[in-house]
Amino acid sequence: MNSEPVNFRGWKNCLRLANPAAELIVTTDVGPRIMSYAVPGGTNVLHVEEAEAGGSGEAEWLVRGGHRLWVAPESERTYVPDNAPVPFEHLGPGSIRLTNPATAPWWVEKELTITLKPGSSAVELAHRITNRGPAPTQLASWALSVMRPGGLEIIPQPPMGEHPRDLLPNRLIVPWAYTDFTDPRWRLGRQFITLQQRAGVKPTKVGLFHREGWVAYALPDALFVKTFGFEEGATYPDFGCNFETFTNSEMLEIESLGPLRSLAPGESVAHAETWHLLPSTGLPGSVEDDALSAWIAPQLAHLGIS
């Protein structure tokens, strides 16, 4: 495993973490942002905004793409620009920590620790937000992976129950004001919810309280899987969502959230996720539940995800 400085898409100060199974490119010119995740010799599964690639020092917040750390719930504080160079430190082979210092008026410090596991595509991400201000504040950590276009998102549902044995709800689905479930990109199945990324369409978004622990994004040449946890009894943003997903005509976002906490000065919130990546032989032939289950089950088993 190695870590070396590289130039990527116009950002001159990037770090490359690589082993035989995966390669990560992390820019230190802005962020913290992970800008590329790929199998060696493969195509980046993360989306990069072409017009914003290589830029820095802008006054306004920019999408840019890649993977970023945000502050929830979404508000003016969320859109603090992350366009300045990011201090970083090497923690060991394949592991780095990047810190976006707190600035006025919000005084929120964002920290991302990235570890590429030896001999594996697995990437462990630790997201931490610290209140560096003089007064208490309430927030949650929010991690957004911006995926390149043309894929199918696969979201597992809880097991089906039956009446009258199972009398209580076991899932929570939160649609945003602009979400239309007659949109053919969505399919709410018995085992899975699927969302297709397509060009020339309007934005759509939902949130879930997600206990199943994984979400996948299938592309013609790769399968990306993100795993993350939930905390029973915790309060999550947006009516209780620890997972959210958004898509528009350019990309699709796979988003995990930590619990919503009240932080005294100096206190932090944090949550973790793990990425996996496999070369793929193509998209699933069907989004019907049984066919999709048969397609993805052996790939999850190969990654050790149940």
C-alpha atoms as a PDB file:
ATOM      1  CA  MET A   1       0.000   0.000   0.000  1.00  0.00           C
ATOM      2  CA  ASN A   2       1.279   3.460  -0.806  1.00  0.00           C
ATOM      3  CA  SER A   3       0.396   7.120  -0.313  1.00  0.00           C
ATOM      4  CA  GLU A   4       1.842   9.664  -2.705  1.00  0.00           C
ATOM      5  CA  PRO A   5       1.220  13.234  -3.936  1.00  0.00           C
ATOM      6  CA  VAL A   6      -0.460  13.541  -7.359  1.00  0.00           C
ATOM      7  CA  ASN A   7      -2.170  16.069  -9.634  1.00  0.00           C
ATOM      8  CA  PHE A   8      -5.846  15.269 -10.272  1.00  0.00           C
ATOM      9  CA  ARG A   9      -8.230  17.161 -12.552  1.00  0.00           C
ATOM     10  CA  GLY A  10      -6.325  20.418 -12.019  1.00  0.00           C
ATOM     11  CA  TRP A  11      -5.902  20.104  -8.235  1.00  0.00           C
ATOM     12  CA  LYS A  12      -2.134  19.994  -7.829  1.00  0.00           C
ATOM     13  CA  ASN A  13      -1.983  18.928  -4.186  1.00  0.00           C
ATOM     14  CA  CYS A  14      -3.749  15.574  -3.961  1.00  0.00           C
ATOM     15  CA  LEU A  15      -2.936  12.392  -2.110  1.00  0.00           C
ATOM     16  CA  ARG A  16      -3.229   8.973  -3.734  1.00  0.00           C
ATOM     17  CA  LEU A  17      -3.965   5.986  -1.497  1.00  0.00           C
ATOM     18  CA  ALA A  18      -3.704   2.732  -3.408  1.00  0.00           C
ATOM     19  CA  ASN A  19      -3.358  -1.026  -3.112  1.00  0.00           C
ATOM     20  CA  PRO A  20      -4.014  -3.840  -5.634  1.00  0.00           C
ATOM     21  CA  ALA A  21      -7.796  -3.647  -5.014  1.00  0.00           C
ATOM     22  CA  ALA A  22      -8.589   0.083  -4.978  1.00  0.00           C
ATOM     23  CA  GLU A  23      -7.320   3.599  -5.506  1.00  0.00           C
ATOM     24  CA  LEU A  24      -8.422   6.812  -3.744  1.00  0.00           C
ATOM     25  CA  ILE A  25      -7.584  10.400  -4.697  1.00  0.00           C
ATOM     26  CA  VAL A  26      -8.018  12.988  -1.931  1.00  0.00           C
ATOM     27  CA  THR A  27      -7.468  16.667  -2.690  1.00  0.00           C
ATOM     28  CA  THR A  28      -5.920  18.937  -0.069  1.00  0.00           C
ATOM     29  CA  ASP A  29      -6.490  22.097  -2.151  1.00  0.00           C
ATOM     30  CA  VAL A  30     -10.126  22.249  -0.948  1.00  0.00           C
ATOM     31  CA  GLY A  31     -12.384  20.209   1.269  1.00  0.00           C
ATOM     32  CA  PRO A  32     -11.960  17.829   2.907  1.00  0.00           C
ATOM     33  CA  ARG A  33     -13.003  16.039  -0.299  1.00  0.00           C
ATOM     34  CA  ILE A  34     -12.378  12.579  -1.726  1.00  0.00           C
ATOM     35  CA  MET A  35     -12.480  13.122  -5.495  1.00  0.00           C
ATOM     36  CA  SER A  36     -11.920   9.624  -6.891  1.00  0.00           C
ATOM     37  CA  TYR A  37     -12.529   5.987  -5.908  1.00  0.00           C
ATOM     38  CA  ALA A  38     -11.782   3.305  -8.459  1.00  0.00           C
ATOM     39  CA  VAL A  39     -10.427  -0.170  -8.984  1.00  0.00           C
ATOM     40  CA  PRO A  40      -6.875   0.104 -10.377  1.00  0.00           C
ATOM     41  CA  GLY A  41      -7.126   0.996 -14.055  1.00  0.00           C
ATOM     42  CA  GLY A  42     -10.886   1.501 -13.741  1.00  0.00           C
ATOM     43  CA  THR A  43     -13.153   4.522 -13.987  1.00  0.00           C
ATOM     44  CA  ASN A  44     -13.858   6.793 -11.044  1.00  0.00           C
ATOM     45  CA  VAL A  45     -17.261   5.941  -9.527  1.00  0.00           C
ATOM     46  CA  LEU A  46     -17.543   9.438  -7.990  1.00  0.00           C
ATOM     47  CA  HIS A  47     -18.885  12.378  -9.978  1.00  0.00           C
ATOM     48  CA  VAL A  48     -16.702  15.453 -10.556  1.00  0.00           C
ATOM     49  CA  GLU A  49     -18.273  18.701 -11.796  1.00  0.00           C
ATOM     50  CA  GLU A  50     -16.278  19.491 -14.937  1.00  0.00           C
ATOM     51  CA  ALA A  51     -16.620  23.273 -14.674  1.00  0.00           C
ATOM     52  CA  GLU A  52     -15.509  23.275 -11.021  1.00  0.00           C
ATOM     53  CA  ALA A  53     -12.610  20.798 -11.252  1.00  0.00           C
ATOM     54  CA  GLY A  54      -9.247  22.178 -10.179  1.00  0.00           C
ATOM     55  CA  GLY A  55     -10.700  25.326  -8.646  1.00  0.00           C
ATOM     56  CA  SER A  56     -10.050  26.811  -5.223  1.00  0.00           C
ATOM     57  CA  GLY A  57     -10.457  30.070  -3.352  1.00  0.00           C
ATOM     58  CA  GLU A  58     -13.995  30.798  -4.566  1.00  0.00           C
ATOM     59  CA  ALA A  59     -16.217  32.914  -2.300  1.00  0.00           C
ATOM     60  CA  GLU A  60     -19.309  30.696  -2.612  1.00  0.00           C
ATOM     61  CA  TRP A  61     -19.869  27.024  -1.810  1.00  0.00           C
ATOM     62  CA  LEU A  62     -19.564  24.731  -4.861  1.00  0.00           C
ATOM     63  CA  VAL A  63     -20.892  21.233  -5.537  1.00  0.00           C
ATOM     64  CA  ARG A  64     -17.592  20.009  -7.083  1.00  0.00           C
ATOM     65  CA  GLY A  65     -18.605  16.373  -6.585  1.00  0.00           C
ATOM     66  CA  GLY A  66     -16.641  13.661  -4.797  1.00  0.00           C
ATOM     67  CA  HIS A  67     -17.321  12.858  -1.158  1.00  0.00           C
ATOM     68  CA  ARG A  68     -17.788  15.639   1.385  1.00  0.00           C
ATOM     69  CA  LEU A  69     -18.675  16.243   5.031  1.00  0.00           C
ATOM     70  CA  TRP A  70     -21.590  18.560   5.748  1.00  0.00           C
ATOM     71  CA  VAL A  71     -23.550  19.835   8.746  1.00  0.00           C
ATOM     72  CA  ALA A  72     -27.191  18.787   9.231  1.00  0.00           C
ATOM     73  CA  PRO A  73     -29.980  19.883   9.389  1.00  0.00           C
ATOM     74  CA  GLU A  74     -29.624  21.707   6.069  1.00  0.00           C
ATOM     75  CA  SER A  75     -29.446  25.469   6.553  1.00  0.00           C
ATOM     76  CA  GLU A  76     -27.238  28.446   5.778  1.00  0.00           C
ATOM     77  CA  ARG A  77     -24.603  26.874   8.046  1.00  0.00           C
ATOM     78  CA  THR A  78     -24.464  23.823   5.788  1.00  0.00           C
ATOM     79  CA  TYR A  79     -23.186  25.882   2.851  1.00  0.00           C
ATOM     80  CA  VAL A  80     -20.047  27.315   4.430  1.00  0.00           C
ATOM     81  CA  PRO A  81     -17.495  27.288   1.562  1.00  0.00           C
ATOM     82  CA  ASP A  82     -14.830  24.583   1.731  1.00  0.00           C
ATOM     83  CA  ASN A  83     -12.623  26.159  -0.921  1.00  0.00           C
ATOM     84  CA  ALA A  84      -9.392  26.672   1.047  1.00  0.00           C
ATOM     85  CA  PRO A  85      -6.393  24.320   1.464  1.00  0.00           C
ATOM     86  CA  VAL A  86      -6.951  21.639   4.097  1.00  0.00           C
ATOM     87  CA  PRO A  87      -4.362  20.738   6.758  1.00  0.00           C
ATOM     88  CA  PHE A  88      -3.693  16.994   6.850  1.00  0.00           C
ATOM     89  CA  GLU A  89      -1.582  14.408   8.630  1.00  0.00           C
ATOM     90  CA  HIS A  90      -0.468  10.879   7.803  1.00  0.00           C
ATOM     91  CA  LEU A  91      -1.612   8.407  10.443  1.00  0.00           C
ATOM     92  CA  GLY A  92       0.136   5.375   8.974  1.00  0.00           C
ATOM     93  CA  PRO A  93       0.198   3.381   5.729  1.00  0.00           C
ATOM     94  CA  GLY A  94      -2.988   4.124   3.794  1.00  0.00           C
ATOM     95  CA  SER A  95      -4.451   6.411   6.460  1.00  0.00           C
ATOM     96  CA  ILE A  96      -4.778  10.215   6.565  1.00  0.00           C
ATOM     97  CA  ARG A  97      -6.721  12.784   8.552  1.00  0.00           C
ATOM     98  CA  LEU A  98      -7.887  16.102   7.045  1.00  0.00           C
ATOM     99  CA  THR A  99      -9.267  18.979   9.088  1.00  0.00           C
ATOM    100  CA  ASN A 100     -11.234  22.003   7.904  1.00  0.00           C
ATOM    101  CA  PRO A 101     -10.652  24.633  10.629  1.00  0.00           C
ATOM    102  CA  ALA A 102     -13.604  26.440  12.204  1.00  0.00           C
ATOM    103  CA  THR A 103     -14.356  29.924  10.870  1.00  0.00           C
ATOM    104  CA  ALA A 104     -16.784  32.737  11.705  1.00  0.00           C
ATOM    105  CA  PRO A 105     -19.709  32.977  12.057  1.00  0.00           C
ATOM    106  CA  TRP A 106     -20.494  29.301  12.720  1.00  0.00           C
ATOM    107  CA  TRP A 107     -17.225  28.066  14.296  1.00  0.00           C
ATOM    108  CA  VAL A 108     -17.690  24.469  13.163  1.00  0.00           C
ATOM    109  CA  GLU A 109     -14.609  22.300  12.622  1.00  0.00           C
ATOM    110  CA  LYS A 110     -14.927  19.381  10.170  1.00  0.00           C
ATOM    111  CA  GLU A 111     -12.570  16.409  10.303  1.00  0.00           C
ATOM    112  CA  LEU A 112     -12.390  13.420   7.926  1.00  0.00           C
ATOM    113  CA  THR A 113     -10.192  10.391   8.620  1.00  0.00           C
ATOM    114  CA  ILE A 114      -9.667   8.029   5.670  1.00  0.00           C
ATOM    115  CA  THR A 115      -8.165   4.547   5.890  1.00  0.00           C
ATOM    116  CA  LEU A 116      -7.731   2.211   2.912  1.00  0.00           C
ATOM    117  CA  LYS A 117      -7.504  -1.312   4.304  1.00  0.00           C
ATOM    118  CA  PRO A 118      -4.528  -3.450   3.164  1.00  0.00           C
ATOM    119  CA  GLY A 119      -5.274  -5.858   0.314  1.00  0.00           C
ATOM    120  CA  SER A 120      -8.916  -4.799   0.066  1.00  0.00           C
ATOM    121  CA  SER A 121     -11.112  -2.190  -1.580  1.00  0.00           C
ATOM    122  CA  ALA A 122     -12.566  -1.391   1.864  1.00  0.00           C
ATOM    123  CA  VAL A 123     -12.238   2.252   2.894  1.00  0.00           C
ATOM    124  CA  GLU A 124     -13.074   3.262   6.453  1.00  0.00           C
ATOM    125  CA  LEU A 125     -14.283   6.856   6.836  1.00  0.00           C
ATOM    126  CA  ALA A 126     -14.649   8.624  10.178  1.00  0.00           C
ATOM    127  CA  HIS A 127     -16.557  11.929  10.058  1.00  0.00           C
ATOM    128  CA  ARG A 128     -16.278  14.281  13.032  1.00  0.00           C
ATOM    129  CA  ILE A 129     -17.689  17.785  13.616  1.00  0.00           C
ATOM    130  CA  THR A 130     -16.613  19.862  16.616  1.00  0.00           C
ATOM    131  CA  ASN A 131     -18.198  23.001  18.035  1.00  0.00           C
ATOM    132  CA  ARG A 132     -15.347  25.534  18.341  1.00  0.00           C
ATOM    133  CA  GLY A 133     -17.678  28.424  19.085  1.00  0.00           C
ATOM    134  CA  PRO A 134     -18.379  30.162  22.411  1.00  0.00           C
ATOM    135  CA  ALA A 135     -21.991  28.925  22.736  1.00  0.00           C
ATOM    136  CA  PRO A 136     -23.818  25.558  22.574  1.00  0.00           C
ATOM    137  CA  THR A 137     -25.202  24.419  19.226  1.00  0.00           C
ATOM    138  CA  GLN A 138     -27.190  21.483  17.843  1.00  0.00           C
ATOM    139  CA  LEU A 139     -26.096  19.575  14.757  1.00  0.00           C
ATOM    140  CA  ALA A 140     -25.421  16.208  13.129  1.00  0.00           C
ATOM    141  CA  SER A 141     -22.600  14.996  10.905  1.00  0.00           C
ATOM    142  CA  TRP A 142     -23.679  14.361   7.321  1.00  0.00           C
ATOM    143  CA  ALA A 143     -21.568  12.443   4.775  1.00  0.00           C
ATOM    144  CA  LEU A 144     -22.430  12.723   1.073  1.00  0.00           C
ATOM    145  CA  SER A 145     -20.978  10.571  -1.714  1.00  0.00           C
ATOM    146  CA  VAL A 146     -21.715  12.086  -5.130  1.00  0.00           C
ATOM    147  CA  MET A 147     -21.878   9.218  -7.622  1.00  0.00           C
ATOM    148  CA  ARG A 148     -21.240   9.485 -11.333  1.00  0.00           C
ATOM    149  CA  PRO A 149     -24.273   9.318 -13.656  1.00  0.00           C
ATOM    150  CA  GLY A 150     -25.801   6.258 -15.262  1.00  0.00           C
ATOM    151  CA  GLY A 151     -26.200   3.996 -12.244  1.00  0.00           C
ATOM    152  CA  LEU A 152     -28.885   2.187 -10.266  1.00  0.00           C
ATOM    153  CA  GLU A 153     -29.138   2.703  -6.509  1.00  0.00           C
ATOM    154  CA  ILE A 154     -30.251  -0.355  -4.511  1.00  0.00           C
ATOM    155  CA  ILE A 155     -31.655   0.248  -1.018  1.00  0.00           C
ATOM    156  CA  PRO A 156     -32.674  -2.820   1.037  1.00  0.00           C
ATOM    157  CA  GLN A 157     -35.969  -2.746   2.905  1.00  0.00           C
ATOM    158  CA  PRO A 158     -36.727  -4.362   6.297  1.00  0.00           C
ATOM    159  CA  PRO A 159     -38.212  -7.869   6.156  1.00  0.00           C
ATOM    160  CA  MET A 160     -41.922  -7.994   5.417  1.00  0.00           C
ATOM    161  CA  GLY A 161     -44.219  -8.747   8.338  1.00  0.00           C
ATOM    162  CA  GLU A 162     -47.782 -10.004   8.404  1.00  0.00           C
ATOM    163  CA  HIS A 163     -51.052  -8.980   9.973  1.00  0.00           C
ATOM    164  CA  PRO A 164     -52.200  -9.435  12.718  1.00  0.00           C
ATOM    165  CA  ARG A 165     -48.883 -10.686  14.131  1.00  0.00           C
ATOM    166  CA  ASP A 166     -46.901  -7.516  13.323  1.00  0.00           C
ATOM    167  CA  LEU A 167     -48.938  -4.541  14.473  1.00  0.00           C
ATOM    168  CA  LEU A 168     -46.272  -1.819  14.591  1.00  0.00           C
ATOM    169  CA  PRO A 169     -44.475  -0.001  11.755  1.00  0.00           C
ATOM    170  CA  ASN A 170     -40.931  -1.104  10.870  1.00  0.00           C
ATOM    171  CA  ARG A 171     -39.841   1.540   8.357  1.00  0.00           C
ATOM    172  CA  LEU A 172     -39.808   5.298   7.914  1.00  0.00           C
ATOM    173  CA  ILE A 173     -39.736   6.970   4.502  1.00  0.00           C
ATOM    174  CA  VAL A 174     -39.480  10.774   4.332  1.00  0.00           C
ATOM    175  CA  PRO A 175     -40.160  12.332   0.898  1.00  0.00           C
ATOM    176  CA  TRP A 176     -38.960  15.846   0.164  1.00  0.00           C
ATOM    177  CA  ALA A 177     -41.436  18.458  -1.088  1.00  0.00           C
ATOM    178  CA  TYR A 178     -40.332  17.979  -4.709  1.00  0.00           C
ATOM    179  CA  THR A 179     -40.431  14.144  -4.652  1.00  0.00           C
ATOM    180  CA  ASP A 180     -43.044  12.460  -6.862  1.00  0.00           C
ATOM    181  CA  PHE A 181     -43.382   8.699  -6.407  1.00  0.00           C
ATOM    182  CA  THR A 182     -45.068   8.373  -9.802  1.00  0.00           C
ATOM    183  CA  ASP A 183     -41.618   9.263 -11.193  1.00  0.00           C
ATOM    184  CA  PRO A 184     -40.498   6.099 -13.061  1.00  0.00           C
ATOM    185  CA  ARG A 185     -36.973   6.382 -11.633  1.00  0.00           C
ATOM    186  CA  TRP A 186     -38.360   5.097  -8.330  1.00  0.00           C
ATOM    187  CA  ARG A 187     -39.458   1.552  -7.570  1.00  0.00           C
ATOM    188  CA  LEU A 188     -40.751   0.727  -4.079  1.00  0.00           C
ATOM    189  CA  GLY A 189     -40.560  -3.033  -3.987  1.00  0.00           C
ATOM    190  CA  ARG A 190     -41.099  -5.720  -1.393  1.00  0.00           C
ATOM    191  CA  GLN A 191     -37.362  -6.188  -0.659  1.00  0.00           C
ATOM    192  CA  PHE A 192     -35.736  -3.141  -2.230  1.00  0.00           C
ATOM    193  CA  ILE A 193     -36.246   0.485  -3.086  1.00  0.00           C
ATOM    194  CA  THR A 194     -34.423   1.355  -6.304  1.00  0.00           C
ATOM    195  CA  LEU A 195     -33.610   4.736  -7.810  1.00  0.00           C
ATOM    196  CA  GLN A 196     -32.189   5.212 -11.300  1.00  0.00           C
ATOM    197  CA  GLN A 197     -29.991   8.147 -12.204  1.00  0.00           C
ATOM    198  CA  ARG A 198     -31.020   9.647 -15.541  1.00  0.00           C
ATOM    199  CA  ALA A 199     -30.211  12.725 -17.592  1.00  0.00           C
ATOM    200  CA  GLY A 200     -32.745  15.460 -18.352  1.00  0.00           C
ATOM    201  CA  VAL A 201     -34.923  14.982 -15.252  1.00  0.00           C
ATOM    202  CA  LYS A 202     -35.951  16.989 -12.187  1.00  0.00           C
ATOM    203  CA  PRO A 203     -34.418  16.481  -8.723  1.00  0.00           C
ATOM    204  CA  THR A 204     -35.898  13.954  -6.306  1.00  0.00           C
ATOM    205  CA  LYS A 205     -34.994  12.990  -2.724  1.00  0.00           C
ATOM    206  CA  VAL A 206     -36.066  10.746   0.150  1.00  0.00           C
ATOM    207  CA  GLY A 207     -34.766   9.926   3.617  1.00  0.00           C
ATOM    208  CA  LEU A 208     -35.025   6.719   5.649  1.00  0.00           C
ATOM    209  CA  PHE A 209     -34.404   5.489   9.148  1.00  0.00           C
ATOM    210  CA  HIS A 210     -32.270   2.690   7.810  1.00  0.00           C
ATOM    211  CA  ARG A 211     -31.436  -0.383   9.894  1.00  0.00           C
ATOM    212  CA  GLU A 212     -30.275  -2.658   7.067  1.00  0.00           C
ATOM    213  CA  GLY A 213     -26.783  -1.189   7.143  1.00  0.00           C
ATOM    214  CA  TRP A 214     -25.881  -1.010   3.441  1.00  0.00           C
ATOM    215  CA  VAL A 215     -26.792   0.744   0.196  1.00  0.00           C
ATOM    216  CA  ALA A 216     -25.365  -0.103  -3.250  1.00  0.00           C
ATOM    217  CA  TYR A 217     -24.876   1.784  -6.503  1.00  0.00           C
ATOM    218  CA  ALA A 218     -24.505  -0.356  -9.610  1.00  0.00           C
ATOM    219  CA  LEU A 219     -22.737   1.040 -12.672  1.00  0.00           C
ATOM    220  CA  PRO A 220     -22.011  -0.788 -15.942  1.00  0.00           C
ATOM    221  CA  ASP A 221     -18.389  -1.296 -14.871  1.00  0.00           C
ATOM    222  CA  ALA A 222     -18.449  -1.293 -11.048  1.00  0.00           C
ATOM    223  CA  LEU A 223     -20.517  -1.957  -7.937  1.00  0.00           C
ATOM    224  CA  PHE A 224     -20.130   0.535  -5.078  1.00  0.00           C
ATOM    225  CA  VAL A 225     -21.420  -0.448  -1.619  1.00  0.00           C
ATOM    226  CA  LYS A 226     -21.580   1.839   1.403  1.00  0.00           C
ATOM    227  CA  THR A 227     -22.177   0.447   4.906  1.00  0.00           C
ATOM    228  CA  PHE A 228     -23.108   2.553   7.929  1.00  0.00           C
ATOM    229  CA  GLY A 229     -24.807   2.159  11.265  1.00  0.00           C
ATOM    230  CA  PHE A 230     -27.684   3.549  13.292  1.00  0.00           C
ATOM    231  CA  GLU A 231     -28.128   4.168  16.993  1.00  0.00           C
ATOM    232  CA  GLU A 232     -31.325   2.906  18.561  1.00  0.00           C
ATOM    233  CA  GLY A 233     -33.031   5.589  20.608  1.00  0.00           C
ATOM    234  CA  ALA A 234     -31.036   8.422  19.024  1.00  0.00           C
ATOM    235  CA  THR A 235     -32.646  11.455  17.420  1.00  0.00           C
ATOM    236  CA  TYR A 236     -31.755  11.928  13.754  1.00  0.00           C
ATOM    237  CA  PRO A 237     -32.339  14.965  11.506  1.00  0.00           C
ATOM    238  CA  ASP A 238     -35.210  15.371   9.043  1.00  0.00           C
ATOM    239  CA  PHE A 239     -37.916  13.488  11.029  1.00  0.00           C
ATOM    240  CA  GLY A 240     -35.485  10.692  11.944  1.00  0.00           C
ATOM    241  CA  CYS A 241     -33.305   9.939   8.891  1.00  0.00           C
ATOM    242  CA  ASN A 242     -29.873   8.324   9.153  1.00  0.00           C
ATOM    243  CA  PHE A 243     -29.846   7.820   5.367  1.00  0.00           C
ATOM    244  CA  GLU A 244     -30.861  10.136   2.520  1.00  0.00           C
ATOM    245  CA  THR A 245     -30.528  10.012  -1.239  1.00  0.00           C
ATOM    246  CA  PHE A 246     -30.837  12.700  -3.893  1.00  0.00           C
ATOM    247  CA  THR A 247     -30.527  12.663  -7.657  1.00  0.00           C
ATOM    248  CA  ASN A 248     -30.779  15.124 -10.512  1.00  0.00           C
ATOM    249  CA  SER A 249     -29.791  15.019 -14.168  1.00  0.00           C
ATOM    250  CA  GLU A 250     -26.028  15.070 -13.431  1.00  0.00           C
ATOM    251  CA  MET A 251     -25.435  12.707 -10.500  1.00  0.00           C
ATOM    252  CA  LEU A 252     -26.808  10.755  -7.529  1.00  0.00           C
ATOM    253  CA  GLU A 253     -25.935  11.239  -3.855  1.00  0.00           C
ATOM    254  CA  ILE A 254     -25.712   8.464  -1.245  1.00  0.00           C
ATOM    255  CA  GLU A 255     -25.831  10.161   2.150  1.00  0.00           C
ATOM    256  CA  SER A 256     -25.390   8.863   5.712  1.00  0.00           C
ATOM    257  CA  LEU A 257     -26.107  10.939   8.828  1.00  0.00           C
ATOM    258  CA  GLY A 258     -25.129  10.730  12.471  1.00  0.00           C
ATOM    259  CA  PRO A 259     -27.388  11.448  15.450  1.00  0.00           C
ATOM    260  CA  LEU A 260     -28.503  15.003  16.151  1.00  0.00           C
ATOM    261  CA  ARG A 261     -26.727  16.237  19.298  1.00  0.00           C
ATOM    262  CA  SER A 262     -26.531  19.380  21.392  1.00  0.00           C
ATOM    263  CA  LEU A 263     -22.862  20.326  21.654  1.00  0.00           C
ATOM    264  CA  ALA A 264     -21.261  22.471  24.299  1.00  0.00           C
ATOM    265  CA  PRO A 265     -18.151  24.389  23.199  1.00  0.00           C
ATOM    266  CA  GLY A 266     -15.415  21.864  22.435  1.00  0.00           C
ATOM    267  CA  GLU A 267     -17.774  18.881  22.080  1.00  0.00           C
ATOM    268  CA  SER A 268     -18.063  16.763  18.921  1.00  0.00           C
ATOM    269  CA  VAL A 269     -20.429  14.523  16.992  1.00  0.00           C
ATOM    270  CA  ALA A 270     -19.210  11.733  14.739  1.00  0.00           C
ATOM    271  CA  HIS A 271     -20.276   8.828  12.600  1.00  0.00           C
ATOM    272  CA  ALA A 272     -18.520   6.282  10.410  1.00  0.00           C
ATOM    273  CA  GLU A 273     -19.092   4.488   7.145  1.00  0.00           C
ATOM    274  CA  THR A 274     -17.191   1.914   5.069  1.00  0.00           C
ATOM    275  CA  TRP A 275     -16.940   1.753   1.284  1.00  0.00           C
ATOM    276  CA  HIS A 276     -16.472  -1.329  -0.900  1.00  0.00           C
ATOM    277  CA  LEU A 277     -15.914  -1.585  -4.645  1.00  0.00           C
ATOM    278  CA  LEU A 278     -16.130  -4.493  -7.072  1.00  0.00           C
ATOM    279  CA  PRO A 279     -15.639  -4.668 -10.831  1.00  0.00           C
ATOM    280  CA  SER A 280     -19.038  -5.401 -12.345  1.00  0.00           C
ATOM    281  CA  THR A 281     -20.198  -7.292 -15.399  1.00  0.00           C
ATOM    282  CA  GLY A 282     -23.024  -4.821 -15.979  1.00  0.00           C
ATOM    283  CA  LEU A 283     -26.240  -3.517 -14.524  1.00  0.00           C
ATOM    284  CA  PRO A 284     -28.897  -5.868 -13.128  1.00  0.00           C
ATOM    285  CA  GLY A 285     -31.180  -7.282 -15.805  1.00  0.00           C
ATOM    286  CA  SER A 286     -34.271  -6.475 -13.733  1.00  0.00           C
ATOM    287  CA  VAL A 287     -35.253  -4.379 -10.712  1.00  0.00           C
ATOM    288  CA  GLU A 288     -37.933  -6.894  -9.701  1.00  0.00           C
ATOM    289  CA  ASP A 289     -37.237  -8.079  -6.157  1.00  0.00           C
ATOM    290  CA  ASP A 290     -36.391 -11.732  -6.746  1.00  0.00           C
ATOM    291  CA  ALA A 291     -34.138 -11.034  -9.739  1.00  0.00           C
ATOM    292  CA  LEU A 292     -32.387  -8.155  -7.992  1.00  0.00           C
ATOM    293  CA  SER A 293     -31.846 -10.239  -4.854  1.00  0.00           C
ATOM    294  CA  ALA A 294     -30.316 -13.056  -6.882  1.00  0.00           C
ATOM    295  CA  TRP A 295     -28.044 -10.565  -8.675  1.00  0.00           C
ATOM    296  CA  ILE A 296     -26.696  -8.736  -5.646  1.00  0.00           C
ATOM    297  CA  ALA A 297     -26.581 -11.470  -2.989  1.00  0.00           C
ATOM    298  CA  PRO A 298     -23.380 -13.177  -4.216  1.00  0.00           C
ATOM    299  CA  GLN A 299     -21.627  -9.822  -4.616  1.00  0.00           C
ATOM    300  CA  LEU A 300     -22.503  -8.813  -1.064  1.00  0.00           C
ATOM    301  CA  ALA A 301     -21.372 -12.236   0.156  1.00  0.00           C
ATOM    302  CA  HIS A 302     -18.031 -11.731  -1.622  1.00  0.00           C
ATOM    303  CA  LEU A 303     -17.616  -8.490   0.348  1.00  0.00           C
ATOM    304  CA  GLY A 304     -18.670 -10.139   3.623  1.00  0.00           C
ATOM    305  CA  ILE A 305     -21.871  -8.086   3.894  1.00  0.00           C
ATOM    306  CA  SER A 306     -24.987  -9.901   5.071  1.00  0.00           C
END
